[in-house]
Protein backbone atom coordinates (compact mmCIF):
# COMPACT_ATOMS: atom_id res chain seq x y z
CA UNK A 1 0.00 0.00 0.00
CA UNK A 2 1.44 3.33 -1.04
CA UNK A 3 0.28 6.85 -0.33
CA UNK A 4 -0.58 9.05 -3.29
CA UNK A 5 -0.95 12.36 -1.40
CA UNK A 6 1.14 13.87 1.43
CA UNK A 7 -0.13 13.02 4.89
CA UNK A 8 -0.46 15.65 7.59
CA UNK A 9 -1.49 14.83 11.14
CA UNK A 10 -2.23 18.51 11.78
CA UNK A 11 -5.08 18.24 9.22
CA UNK A 12 -8.08 17.51 11.46
CA UNK A 13 -9.64 15.37 8.72
CA UNK A 14 -6.69 12.98 8.95
CA UNK A 15 -6.13 12.87 12.72
CA UNK A 16 -8.60 10.02 13.27
CA UNK A 17 -6.93 7.92 10.61
CA UNK A 18 -8.45 6.21 7.56
CA UNK A 19 -11.07 3.45 7.29
CA UNK A 20 -10.50 1.36 4.18
CA UNK A 21 -12.51 -1.43 2.63
CA UNK A 22 -10.24 -3.88 0.83
CA UNK A 23 -11.47 -6.34 -1.80
CA UNK A 24 -9.47 -9.44 -2.63
CA UNK A 25 -10.33 -11.46 -5.77
CA UNK A 26 -8.81 -14.47 -7.54
CA UNK A 27 -10.94 -13.98 -10.65
CA UNK A 28 -13.60 -16.40 -9.49
CA UNK A 29 -14.15 -15.62 -5.85
CA UNK A 30 -13.74 -12.42 -3.88
CA UNK A 31 -13.64 -11.41 -0.24
CA UNK A 32 -13.79 -8.11 1.63
CA UNK A 33 -12.13 -6.86 4.81
CA UNK A 34 -11.97 -3.56 6.64
CA UNK A 35 -8.64 -1.95 7.46
CA UNK A 36 -8.12 1.03 9.76
CA UNK A 37 -4.95 3.08 9.34
CA UNK A 38 -3.82 5.19 12.29
CA UNK A 39 -1.81 8.27 11.41
CA UNK A 40 1.11 8.88 13.76
CA UNK A 41 2.26 12.42 14.42
CA UNK A 42 5.90 13.38 13.93
CA UNK A 43 7.64 16.56 15.02
CA UNK A 44 7.60 18.43 11.72
CA UNK A 45 6.37 21.88 12.76
CA UNK A 46 8.48 24.59 14.42
CA UNK A 47 7.15 26.59 17.37
CA UNK A 48 5.13 29.67 16.53
CA UNK A 49 5.70 32.56 18.92
CA UNK A 50 3.70 35.67 19.68
CA UNK A 51 5.52 38.31 21.67
CA UNK A 52 5.47 42.04 22.39
CA UNK A 53 7.74 43.85 19.95
CA UNK A 54 8.91 46.49 22.42
CA UNK A 55 9.05 46.98 26.18
CA UNK A 56 10.14 49.92 28.32
CA UNK A 57 11.78 49.37 31.72
CA UNK A 58 13.58 51.50 34.28
CA UNK A 59 17.31 51.12 34.79
CA UNK A 60 16.46 50.83 38.49
CA UNK A 61 14.53 47.58 37.90
CA UNK A 62 15.44 44.95 40.47
CA UNK A 63 16.75 41.48 39.66
CA UNK A 64 13.83 39.20 38.93
CA UNK A 65 11.58 41.97 37.57
CA UNK A 66 9.41 40.72 34.70
CA UNK A 67 9.80 42.49 31.37
CA UNK A 68 7.60 40.45 29.04
CA UNK A 69 6.11 37.00 28.48
CA UNK A 70 6.86 35.03 25.33
CA UNK A 71 3.93 32.89 24.13
CA UNK A 72 4.73 29.96 21.84
CA UNK A 73 2.58 27.24 20.34
CA UNK A 74 3.46 24.04 18.50
CA UNK A 75 1.04 22.42 16.06
CA UNK A 76 2.53 18.99 16.68
CA UNK A 77 0.60 16.79 19.10
CA UNK A 78 2.15 16.24 22.53
CA UNK A 79 5.12 18.44 21.65
CA UNK A 80 5.30 20.50 24.79
CA UNK A 81 7.02 23.85 24.90
CA UNK A 82 9.43 24.20 27.79
CA UNK A 83 11.75 27.11 28.34
CA UNK A 84 14.99 27.74 30.13
CA UNK A 85 18.04 29.97 30.08
CA UNK A 86 21.20 27.90 29.61
CA UNK A 87 23.55 30.51 30.98
CA UNK A 88 23.92 28.66 34.30
CA UNK A 89 24.60 25.17 32.92
CA UNK A 90 28.30 25.48 33.70
CA UNK A 91 27.46 25.82 37.38
CA UNK A 92 25.11 22.81 37.64
CA UNK A 93 25.66 19.06 37.94
CA UNK A 94 23.07 16.28 37.63
CA UNK A 95 22.98 13.03 39.56
CA UNK A 96 21.20 10.95 36.92
CA UNK A 97 19.65 8.24 39.10
CA UNK A 98 18.64 10.42 41.99
CA UNK A 99 17.56 13.27 39.71
CA UNK A 100 19.19 15.79 42.02
CA UNK A 101 20.90 18.94 40.83
CA UNK A 102 23.77 20.35 42.86
CA UNK A 103 26.01 23.40 42.61
CA UNK A 104 29.41 22.53 41.10
CA UNK A 105 30.94 26.02 40.88
CA UNK A 106 30.42 29.47 42.34
CA UNK A 107 27.53 31.52 40.99
CA UNK A 108 27.70 35.13 39.89
CA UNK A 109 24.87 36.21 42.16
CA UNK A 110 22.64 34.72 44.82
CA UNK A 111 18.95 34.84 44.05
CA UNK A 112 19.40 34.73 40.28
CA UNK A 113 16.63 32.96 38.36
CA UNK A 114 17.87 29.53 37.26
CA UNK A 115 15.24 27.59 35.37
CA UNK A 116 12.60 28.98 37.76
CA UNK A 117 14.69 27.93 40.78
CA UNK A 118 16.26 30.34 43.27
CA UNK A 119 19.77 29.81 44.63
CA UNK A 120 19.59 30.23 48.38
CA UNK A 121 23.10 29.23 49.45
CA UNK A 122 26.27 27.98 47.83
CA UNK A 123 25.98 24.37 49.10
CA UNK A 124 22.27 24.01 48.41
CA UNK A 125 20.88 20.71 47.07
CA UNK A 126 18.03 21.39 44.65
CA UNK A 127 15.44 18.87 43.47
CA UNK A 128 15.02 19.19 39.73
CA UNK A 129 13.17 17.34 36.98
CA UNK A 130 15.43 16.20 34.14
CA UNK A 131 12.62 16.90 31.65
CA UNK A 132 13.08 20.61 32.22
CA UNK A 133 16.62 20.51 30.87
CA UNK A 134 15.12 20.19 27.37
CA UNK A 135 15.18 23.95 27.02
CA UNK A 136 13.11 25.54 24.30
CA UNK A 137 13.92 29.22 24.80
CA UNK A 138 17.45 30.50 24.66
CA UNK A 139 18.73 34.06 24.69
CA UNK A 140 21.22 34.85 21.96
CA UNK A 141 24.09 36.15 24.07
CA UNK A 142 25.35 38.26 21.20
CA UNK A 143 22.33 40.47 21.90
CA UNK A 144 22.86 40.36 25.68
CA UNK A 145 26.65 40.53 26.13
CA UNK A 146 26.54 41.23 29.88
CA UNK A 147 23.96 38.51 30.62
CA UNK A 148 21.50 40.99 32.06
CA UNK A 149 18.39 39.02 31.11
CA UNK A 150 17.03 35.51 31.64
CA UNK A 151 14.03 33.53 30.40
CA UNK A 152 12.05 31.17 32.64
CA UNK A 153 10.32 27.85 31.82
CA UNK A 154 6.96 29.61 31.46
CA UNK A 155 8.39 32.12 28.97
CA UNK A 156 8.87 35.14 31.23
CA UNK A 157 11.76 37.44 30.32
CA UNK A 158 13.33 38.74 33.53
CA UNK A 159 16.04 41.13 34.64
CA UNK A 160 18.99 38.97 35.72
CA UNK A 161 21.56 41.64 36.56
CA UNK A 162 21.63 45.37 37.24
CA UNK A 163 20.97 47.66 34.27
CA UNK A 164 22.78 50.87 33.42
CA UNK A 165 21.17 53.14 30.82
CA UNK A 166 24.33 55.21 30.54
CA UNK A 167 26.16 52.09 29.36
CA UNK A 168 23.49 50.34 27.25
CA UNK A 169 20.29 52.36 26.63
CA UNK A 170 18.63 49.95 24.19
CA UNK A 171 18.66 46.17 23.74
CA UNK A 172 17.50 44.20 20.72
CA UNK A 173 17.10 40.92 22.55
CA UNK A 174 16.98 37.84 20.33
CA UNK A 175 15.33 34.78 21.86
CA UNK A 176 15.40 31.43 20.08
CA UNK A 177 12.37 29.19 20.60
CA UNK A 178 12.98 25.62 19.48
CA UNK A 179 11.31 22.25 19.91
CA UNK A 180 12.80 18.84 20.61
CA UNK A 181 13.52 18.30 16.92
CA UNK A 182 15.61 21.47 16.83
CA UNK A 183 13.20 23.48 14.69
CA UNK A 184 13.55 27.14 15.55
CA UNK A 185 11.47 30.30 15.65
CA UNK A 186 13.26 33.54 16.44
CA UNK A 187 11.75 36.14 18.76
CA UNK A 188 13.07 39.72 18.66
CA UNK A 189 12.28 41.93 21.65
CA UNK A 190 13.37 45.58 21.75
CA UNK A 191 13.96 46.81 25.30
CA UNK A 192 14.25 50.53 26.02
CA UNK A 193 15.88 51.46 29.33
CA UNK A 194 14.48 54.58 31.03
CA UNK A 195 16.87 56.86 32.89
CA UNK A 196 16.85 57.48 36.63
CA UNK A 197 18.88 60.15 38.38
CA UNK A 198 21.77 57.95 39.48
CA UNK A 199 24.78 59.99 38.34
CA UNK A 200 26.23 63.05 40.04
CA UNK A 201 27.31 66.05 37.94
CA UNK A 202 30.99 66.02 37.04
CA UNK A 203 32.71 69.44 37.20
CA UNK A 204 35.56 70.47 34.93
CA UNK A 205 37.39 73.69 34.08
CA UNK A 206 37.88 75.64 30.86
CA UNK A 207 40.74 75.77 30.11
CA UNK A 208 41.61 72.35 31.48
CA UNK A 209 44.32 73.89 33.68
CA UNK A 210 43.72 77.38 35.06
CA UNK A 211 46.92 79.30 35.82
CA UNK A 212 47.01 82.58 37.76
CA UNK A 213 50.33 84.41 37.90
CA UNK A 214 51.32 86.32 41.01
CA UNK A 215 51.86 90.07 40.97
CA UNK A 216 49.53 90.48 37.97
CA UNK A 217 46.60 92.88 38.23
CA UNK A 218 43.36 90.92 38.58
CA UNK A 219 41.83 92.63 35.54
CA UNK A 220 44.70 91.24 33.45
CA UNK A 221 44.26 87.64 34.59
CA UNK A 222 42.56 85.19 32.21
CA UNK A 223 39.15 83.87 33.14
CA UNK A 224 38.62 80.33 34.33
CA UNK A 225 35.20 78.71 33.87
CA UNK A 226 33.92 75.88 36.02
CA UNK A 227 31.41 73.79 34.09
CA UNK A 228 29.75 70.44 34.65
CA UNK A 229 28.20 67.58 32.72
CA UNK A 230 25.85 64.78 33.74
CA UNK A 231 25.62 61.32 32.20
CA UNK A 232 21.90 61.22 32.94
CA UNK A 233 19.33 62.55 30.47
CA UNK A 234 18.37 66.22 30.44
CA UNK A 235 15.35 65.49 32.64
CA UNK A 236 17.74 64.36 35.38
CA UNK A 237 20.64 66.65 34.51
CA UNK A 238 21.13 70.40 34.05
CA UNK A 239 20.70 73.10 35.09
CA UNK A 240 23.01 72.49 38.02
CA UNK A 241 23.22 74.40 41.25
CA UNK A 242 26.75 75.45 42.15
CA UNK A 243 27.84 77.07 45.37
CA UNK A 244 31.05 77.74 47.24
CA UNK A 245 31.81 75.33 50.03
CA UNK A 246 31.71 76.77 53.52
CA UNK A 247 35.23 75.41 54.03
CA UNK A 248 36.66 77.49 51.17
CA UNK A 249 39.36 79.75 52.70
CA UNK A 250 40.26 82.06 49.83
CA UNK A 251 37.22 84.26 49.37
CA UNK A 252 39.42 87.32 49.92
CA UNK A 253 41.57 86.39 46.91
CA UNK A 254 39.21 84.76 44.41
CA UNK A 255 35.85 85.98 43.23
CA UNK A 256 33.36 83.49 41.80
CA UNK A 257 30.52 84.67 39.58
CA UNK A 258 27.75 82.17 38.89
CA UNK A 259 26.23 82.42 35.44
CA UNK A 260 23.52 79.87 34.59
CA UNK A 261 24.30 80.06 30.88
CA UNK A 262 27.84 78.78 31.33
CA UNK A 263 27.50 76.32 34.18
CA UNK A 264 26.77 73.23 32.13
CA UNK A 265 27.08 71.61 28.69
């Protein structure tokens, strides 16, 4: 018996199989029998993911804060979607028979999300199902060079390490969703980091080195400007307030004039 058309278990008309009536004849006599063909599903469809295209978070977001949830479906029957971040595999060791996971090397941070488990102490013994090691979501580390994000088994994208907008203001996070057959769907999530006022103004002088010669009339001395810049955005930056410290001992020799138009860049 040979098929004449492609079979597809995902076609609902074919999922229940085929009922055939077979006739056998020797030219003189004939007989009939019924044959039922069951159609077996194979893993031939990649995951299909639906995700938010863009998310905005604060650079003050704590570790473990949820950014987004990736939703994936697989048309194949009984092909479950699991998810994990494989960044901690180097730190974990499985005891195959006992199905116990232990810590085999020091971790970067306590409390980091590891496959939905939380590290409580360095010598902790953690019960863990081996089925969950079949990870289906993986962050492309080329898009997350400092490993600041993680993805959990239920598809939540979390903050894994402290963010700094002044260092990386925007991420184009690439997450690979793949099934047990290795078929892949790529998820691209753009993450915008909002500024908080976490940087102090940095003063500097113009020129870089101010030189005042002795025995020169003050009106002949060059000016020296004290300016400042702030790595934060303008909403959390200038204008700056400048004042002379109460411990400054040379008020009789140096006069400071504050001009808002020249205090900052």
